[in-house]
Amino acid sequence: MTDQGHQTNQDRKEFSDEAGSLWRIALAPSVWAGHFVLCYASVSLACVRGLLPIEATRLSLIAVSVIVLVVFVWQGWRAWRQWAPERGHPSALSEGKAEDRHRFLGHATFLLTLISGIATVYTTLPLLLLEGCR
């Protein structure tokens, strides 16, 4: 009973340690999706409905895009530190220990943050290159 109870407590501790990593892995794609919806909804309200001034909308969305990219840089830096590639490639760590899972989550978070950053740049490009609605 003691060994099983100790193992259960250890499993719970390991899961609680990784709960933050699980939230961070979903942060970048969620922020990008919100940014995407905000950009397209705002531009449609400005251009199609005429409810918002287009120049103010463009400048506001560019400012939001810069903030989102700063969040991604911060998130990527944290994920890079968790991954710690200078300690060896994650595929070389195949023992399934808690440290291996921790580093894998850092690696996956870093890659998702990178992809979300690229997607945010591509979502923002029309705001930078186009001046009006037509």
C-alpha atoms as a PDB file:
ATOM      1  CA  MET A   1       0.000   0.000   0.000  1.00  0.00           C
ATOM      2  CA  THR A   2       2.797   2.370   0.855  1.00  0.00           C
ATOM      3  CA  ASP A   3       4.607   1.908  -2.468  1.00  0.00           C
ATOM      4  CA  GLN A   4       1.373   2.293  -4.433  1.00  0.00           C
ATOM      5  CA  GLY A   5       0.319   5.336  -2.390  1.00  0.00           C
ATOM      6  CA  HIS A   6       3.784   6.867  -2.843  1.00  0.00           C
ATOM      7  CA  GLN A   7       3.635   6.220  -6.616  1.00  0.00           C
ATOM      8  CA  THR A   8       0.167   7.793  -6.834  1.00  0.00           C
ATOM      9  CA  ASN A   9       1.360  10.885  -4.958  1.00  0.00           C
ATOM     10  CA  GLN A  10       4.423  11.084  -7.180  1.00  0.00           C
ATOM     11  CA  ASP A  11       2.232  10.829 -10.301  1.00  0.00           C
ATOM     12  CA  ARG A  12      -0.016  13.592  -9.004  1.00  0.00           C
ATOM     13  CA  LYS A  13       2.985  15.806  -8.284  1.00  0.00           C
ATOM     14  CA  GLU A  14       4.411  15.213 -11.766  1.00  0.00           C
ATOM     15  CA  PHE A  15       1.054  16.032 -13.374  1.00  0.00           C
ATOM     16  CA  SER A  16       0.650  19.198 -11.318  1.00  0.00           C
ATOM     17  CA  ASP A  17       4.180  20.237 -12.302  1.00  0.00           C
ATOM     18  CA  GLU A  18       3.260  19.837 -15.986  1.00  0.00           C
ATOM     19  CA  ALA A  19      -0.181  21.480 -15.740  1.00  0.00           C
ATOM     20  CA  GLY A  20       1.420  24.867 -16.481  1.00  0.00           C
ATOM     21  CA  SER A  21       3.123  23.403 -19.543  1.00  0.00           C
ATOM     22  CA  LEU A  22      -0.173  22.044 -20.795  1.00  0.00           C
ATOM     23  CA  TRP A  23      -1.749  25.507 -20.545  1.00  0.00           C
ATOM     24  CA  ARG A  24       1.247  27.126 -22.256  1.00  0.00           C
ATOM     25  CA  ILE A  25       1.138  24.668 -25.159  1.00  0.00           C
ATOM     26  CA  ALA A  26      -2.376  25.900 -26.022  1.00  0.00           C
ATOM     27  CA  LEU A  27      -1.660  29.609 -25.432  1.00  0.00           C
ATOM     28  CA  ALA A  28      -0.048  30.559 -28.751  1.00  0.00           C
ATOM     29  CA  PRO A  29      -2.568  28.877 -31.082  1.00  0.00           C
ATOM     30  CA  SER A  30      -5.431  30.311 -29.024  1.00  0.00           C
ATOM     31  CA  VAL A  31      -4.001  33.832 -29.102  1.00  0.00           C
ATOM     32  CA  TRP A  32      -3.404  33.554 -32.848  1.00  0.00           C
ATOM     33  CA  ALA A  33      -6.990  32.358 -33.419  1.00  0.00           C
ATOM     34  CA  GLY A  34      -8.333  35.289 -31.394  1.00  0.00           C
ATOM     35  CA  HIS A  35      -6.107  37.684 -33.327  1.00  0.00           C
ATOM     36  CA  PHE A  36      -7.295  36.225 -36.629  1.00  0.00           C
ATOM     37  CA  VAL A  37     -10.972  36.597 -35.722  1.00  0.00           C
ATOM     38  CA  LEU A  38     -10.406  40.115 -34.375  1.00  0.00           C
ATOM     39  CA  CYS A  39      -8.621  41.238 -37.556  1.00  0.00           C
ATOM     40  CA  TYR A  40     -11.158  39.850 -39.974  1.00  0.00           C
ATOM     41  CA  ALA A  41     -14.194  40.939 -37.931  1.00  0.00           C
ATOM     42  CA  SER A  42     -12.847  44.482 -37.458  1.00  0.00           C
ATOM     43  CA  VAL A  43     -11.948  44.942 -41.106  1.00  0.00           C
ATOM     44  CA  SER A  44     -15.328  43.617 -42.194  1.00  0.00           C
ATOM     45  CA  LEU A  45     -17.070  46.044 -39.833  1.00  0.00           C
ATOM     46  CA  ALA A  46     -14.953  48.881 -41.209  1.00  0.00           C
ATOM     47  CA  CYS A  47     -15.160  48.043 -44.900  1.00  0.00           C
ATOM     48  CA  VAL A  48     -18.449  46.238 -45.462  1.00  0.00           C
ATOM     49  CA  ARG A  49     -20.619  47.864 -42.823  1.00  0.00           C
ATOM     50  CA  GLY A  50     -18.795  51.189 -42.573  1.00  0.00           C
ATOM     51  CA  LEU A  51     -19.192  51.151 -38.784  1.00  0.00           C
ATOM     52  CA  LEU A  52     -15.525  51.816 -38.019  1.00  0.00           C
ATOM     53  CA  PRO A  53     -13.041  54.219 -39.610  1.00  0.00           C
ATOM     54  CA  ILE A  54     -10.641  52.108 -41.664  1.00  0.00           C
ATOM     55  CA  GLU A  55      -7.444  54.003 -40.816  1.00  0.00           C
ATOM     56  CA  ALA A  56      -8.077  53.815 -37.079  1.00  0.00           C
ATOM     57  CA  THR A  57      -8.973  50.149 -37.459  1.00  0.00           C
ATOM     58  CA  ARG A  58      -5.757  49.427 -39.353  1.00  0.00           C
ATOM     59  CA  LEU A  59      -3.564  51.207 -36.795  1.00  0.00           C
ATOM     60  CA  SER A  60      -5.327  49.540 -33.867  1.00  0.00           C
ATOM     61  CA  LEU A  61      -4.963  46.094 -35.402  1.00  0.00           C
ATOM     62  CA  ILE A  62      -1.292  46.686 -36.170  1.00  0.00           C
ATOM     63  CA  ALA A  63      -0.763  47.679 -32.520  1.00  0.00           C
ATOM     64  CA  VAL A  64      -2.594  44.534 -31.376  1.00  0.00           C
ATOM     65  CA  SER A  65      -0.436  42.474 -33.745  1.00  0.00           C
ATOM     66  CA  VAL A  66       2.741  43.909 -32.220  1.00  0.00           C
ATOM     67  CA  ILE A  67       1.474  43.052 -28.724  1.00  0.00           C
ATOM     68  CA  VAL A  68       0.612  39.514 -29.851  1.00  0.00           C
ATOM     69  CA  LEU A  69       4.089  39.068 -31.354  1.00  0.00           C
ATOM     70  CA  VAL A  70       5.690  40.285 -28.108  1.00  0.00           C
ATOM     71  CA  VAL A  71       3.628  37.680 -26.221  1.00  0.00           C
ATOM     72  CA  PHE A  72       4.874  35.050 -28.673  1.00  0.00           C
ATOM     73  CA  VAL A  73       8.503  36.075 -28.173  1.00  0.00           C
ATOM     74  CA  TRP A  74       8.060  35.817 -24.408  1.00  0.00           C
ATOM     75  CA  GLN A  75       6.285  32.465 -24.743  1.00  0.00           C
ATOM     76  CA  GLY A  76       8.924  31.147 -27.149  1.00  0.00           C
ATOM     77  CA  TRP A  77      11.730  32.171 -24.805  1.00  0.00           C
ATOM     78  CA  ARG A  78      10.068  30.354 -21.899  1.00  0.00           C
ATOM     79  CA  ALA A  79       9.491  27.267 -24.052  1.00  0.00           C
ATOM     80  CA  TRP A  80      13.117  27.349 -25.265  1.00  0.00           C
ATOM     81  CA  ARG A  81      14.323  27.386 -21.659  1.00  0.00           C
ATOM     82  CA  GLN A  82      12.022  24.453 -20.803  1.00  0.00           C
ATOM     83  CA  TRP A  83      13.140  22.508 -23.851  1.00  0.00           C
ATOM     84  CA  ALA A  84      16.850  23.235 -23.257  1.00  0.00           C
ATOM     85  CA  PRO A  85      18.143  21.809 -26.566  1.00  0.00           C
ATOM     86  CA  GLU A  86      21.738  22.346 -25.458  1.00  0.00           C
ATOM     87  CA  ARG A  87      21.257  19.359 -23.111  1.00  0.00           C
ATOM     88  CA  GLY A  88      20.643  16.949 -25.981  1.00  0.00           C
ATOM     89  CA  HIS A  89      18.048  16.208 -28.619  1.00  0.00           C
ATOM     90  CA  PRO A  90      14.594  15.216 -27.252  1.00  0.00           C
ATOM     91  CA  SER A  91      14.455  12.065 -29.374  1.00  0.00           C
ATOM     92  CA  ALA A  92      17.565  10.832 -27.576  1.00  0.00           C
ATOM     93  CA  LEU A  93      15.561  10.864 -24.344  1.00  0.00           C
ATOM     94  CA  SER A  94      13.379   7.808 -24.778  1.00  0.00           C
ATOM     95  CA  GLU A  95      13.169   6.579 -21.202  1.00  0.00           C
ATOM     96  CA  GLY A  96       9.791   8.235 -20.522  1.00  0.00           C
ATOM     97  CA  LYS A  97      10.881  10.021 -17.371  1.00  0.00           C
ATOM     98  CA  ALA A  98       9.251  13.174 -16.061  1.00  0.00           C
ATOM     99  CA  GLU A  99      12.169  15.297 -17.285  1.00  0.00           C
ATOM    100  CA  ASP A 100      11.779  13.868 -20.797  1.00  0.00           C
ATOM    101  CA  ARG A 101       8.081  14.760 -20.850  1.00  0.00           C
ATOM    102  CA  HIS A 102       8.851  18.220 -19.485  1.00  0.00           C
ATOM    103  CA  ARG A 103      11.383  18.872 -22.237  1.00  0.00           C
ATOM    104  CA  PHE A 104       9.071  17.466 -24.918  1.00  0.00           C
ATOM    105  CA  LEU A 105       6.295  19.845 -23.845  1.00  0.00           C
ATOM    106  CA  GLY A 106       8.791  22.709 -24.052  1.00  0.00           C
ATOM    107  CA  HIS A 107       9.799  21.615 -27.545  1.00  0.00           C
ATOM    108  CA  ALA A 108       6.184  21.318 -28.726  1.00  0.00           C
ATOM    109  CA  THR A 109       5.294  24.680 -27.174  1.00  0.00           C
ATOM    110  CA  PHE A 110       8.260  26.326 -28.894  1.00  0.00           C
ATOM    111  CA  LEU A 111       7.252  24.950 -32.291  1.00  0.00           C
ATOM    112  CA  LEU A 112       3.578  25.893 -31.869  1.00  0.00           C
ATOM    113  CA  THR A 113       4.599  29.389 -30.806  1.00  0.00           C
ATOM    114  CA  LEU A 114       6.831  29.715 -33.859  1.00  0.00           C
ATOM    115  CA  ILE A 115       4.049  28.595 -36.200  1.00  0.00           C
ATOM    116  CA  SER A 116       1.555  30.917 -34.500  1.00  0.00           C
ATOM    117  CA  GLY A 117       3.978  33.818 -34.864  1.00  0.00           C
ATOM    118  CA  ILE A 118       4.375  33.162 -38.577  1.00  0.00           C
ATOM    119  CA  ALA A 119       0.599  32.924 -38.956  1.00  0.00           C
ATOM    120  CA  THR A 120       0.177  36.236 -37.111  1.00  0.00           C
ATOM    121  CA  VAL A 121       2.651  37.940 -39.435  1.00  0.00           C
ATOM    122  CA  TYR A 122       0.757  36.639 -42.466  1.00  0.00           C
ATOM    123  CA  THR A 123      -2.557  37.767 -40.969  1.00  0.00           C
ATOM    124  CA  THR A 124      -1.084  41.237 -40.383  1.00  0.00           C
ATOM    125  CA  LEU A 125       0.510  41.685 -43.818  1.00  0.00           C
ATOM    126  CA  PRO A 126      -2.680  42.941 -45.541  1.00  0.00           C
ATOM    127  CA  LEU A 127      -3.014  45.596 -42.843  1.00  0.00           C
ATOM    128  CA  LEU A 128       0.483  46.824 -43.651  1.00  0.00           C
ATOM    129  CA  LEU A 129       0.274  46.592 -47.431  1.00  0.00           C
ATOM    130  CA  LEU A 130      -3.269  47.734 -48.221  1.00  0.00           C
ATOM    131  CA  GLU A 131      -4.365  51.269 -47.515  1.00  0.00           C
ATOM    132  CA  GLY A 132      -8.123  51.073 -47.855  1.00  0.00           C
ATOM    133  CA  CYS A 133     -11.064  48.815 -48.416  1.00  0.00           C
ATOM    134  CA  ARG A 134     -10.987  48.871 -52.207  1.00  0.00           C
END
